[in-house]
């Protein structure tokens, strides 16, 4: 399994920020729980 780590941004409302970037980039929200949200980069073929 490949693991990709990217930029971490602190925000008062991580879910709202993830929703913004998800819509902006057209990427899905990969994980969300109170205080944490992750926008998942799309898979790429090699």
C-alpha atoms as a PDB file:
ATOM      1  CA  UNK A   1       0.000   0.000   0.000  1.00  0.00           C
ATOM      2  CA  UNK A   2       1.357   3.403  -0.979  1.00  0.00           C
ATOM      3  CA  UNK A   3       1.150   6.170   1.559  1.00  0.00           C
ATOM      4  CA  UNK A   4       1.210   9.817   0.541  1.00  0.00           C
ATOM      5  CA  UNK A   5       1.772  12.562   3.035  1.00  0.00           C
ATOM      6  CA  UNK A   6       1.131  16.154   2.091  1.00  0.00           C
ATOM      7  CA  UNK A   7       0.560  19.519   3.611  1.00  0.00           C
ATOM      8  CA  UNK A   8      -1.116  19.778   7.004  1.00  0.00           C
ATOM      9  CA  UNK A   9      -3.138  22.910   7.709  1.00  0.00           C
ATOM     10  CA  UNK A  10      -4.537  23.798  11.122  1.00  0.00           C
ATOM     11  CA  UNK A  11      -7.957  25.405  11.067  1.00  0.00           C
ATOM     12  CA  UNK A  12     -10.693  26.271  13.549  1.00  0.00           C
ATOM     13  CA  UNK A  13     -13.087  24.134  11.456  1.00  0.00           C
ATOM     14  CA  UNK A  14     -11.141  21.368   9.662  1.00  0.00           C
ATOM     15  CA  UNK A  15     -14.289  19.894   8.095  1.00  0.00           C
ATOM     16  CA  UNK A  16     -15.221  23.197   6.450  1.00  0.00           C
ATOM     17  CA  UNK A  17     -11.679  23.670   5.146  1.00  0.00           C
ATOM     18  CA  UNK A  18     -11.604  20.102   3.806  1.00  0.00           C
ATOM     19  CA  UNK A  19     -14.962  20.651   2.114  1.00  0.00           C
ATOM     20  CA  UNK A  20     -13.603  23.813   0.471  1.00  0.00           C
ATOM     21  CA  UNK A  21     -10.499  22.072  -0.892  1.00  0.00           C
ATOM     22  CA  UNK A  22     -12.490  18.979  -1.845  1.00  0.00           C
ATOM     23  CA  UNK A  23     -14.759  21.112  -4.009  1.00  0.00           C
ATOM     24  CA  UNK A  24     -11.888  23.259  -5.346  1.00  0.00           C
ATOM     25  CA  UNK A  25      -9.749  20.278  -6.379  1.00  0.00           C
ATOM     26  CA  UNK A  26     -12.602  17.863  -7.118  1.00  0.00           C
ATOM     27  CA  UNK A  27     -10.981  15.385  -4.709  1.00  0.00           C
ATOM     28  CA  UNK A  28     -12.934  13.315  -2.180  1.00  0.00           C
ATOM     29  CA  UNK A  29     -12.780  13.735   1.574  1.00  0.00           C
ATOM     30  CA  UNK A  30     -10.956  10.555   2.552  1.00  0.00           C
ATOM     31  CA  UNK A  31     -11.393  10.700   6.321  1.00  0.00           C
ATOM     32  CA  UNK A  32     -13.269  12.902   8.738  1.00  0.00           C
ATOM     33  CA  UNK A  33     -13.776  12.881  12.502  1.00  0.00           C
ATOM     34  CA  UNK A  34     -14.130  15.644  15.094  1.00  0.00           C
ATOM     35  CA  UNK A  35     -11.109  17.934  14.787  1.00  0.00           C
ATOM     36  CA  UNK A  36      -9.625  16.184  11.731  1.00  0.00           C
ATOM     37  CA  UNK A  37     -10.413  15.968   8.039  1.00  0.00           C
ATOM     38  CA  UNK A  38      -8.316  14.623   5.159  1.00  0.00           C
ATOM     39  CA  UNK A  39      -8.761  15.410   1.484  1.00  0.00           C
ATOM     40  CA  UNK A  40      -7.675  12.335  -0.476  1.00  0.00           C
ATOM     41  CA  UNK A  41      -5.593  12.767  -3.615  1.00  0.00           C
ATOM     42  CA  UNK A  42      -6.926  10.701  -6.491  1.00  0.00           C
ATOM     43  CA  UNK A  43      -5.118   7.461  -7.310  1.00  0.00           C
ATOM     44  CA  UNK A  44      -2.720   7.540 -10.218  1.00  0.00           C
ATOM     45  CA  UNK A  45      -1.789   4.662 -12.480  1.00  0.00           C
ATOM     46  CA  UNK A  46       1.859   3.755 -12.917  1.00  0.00           C
END
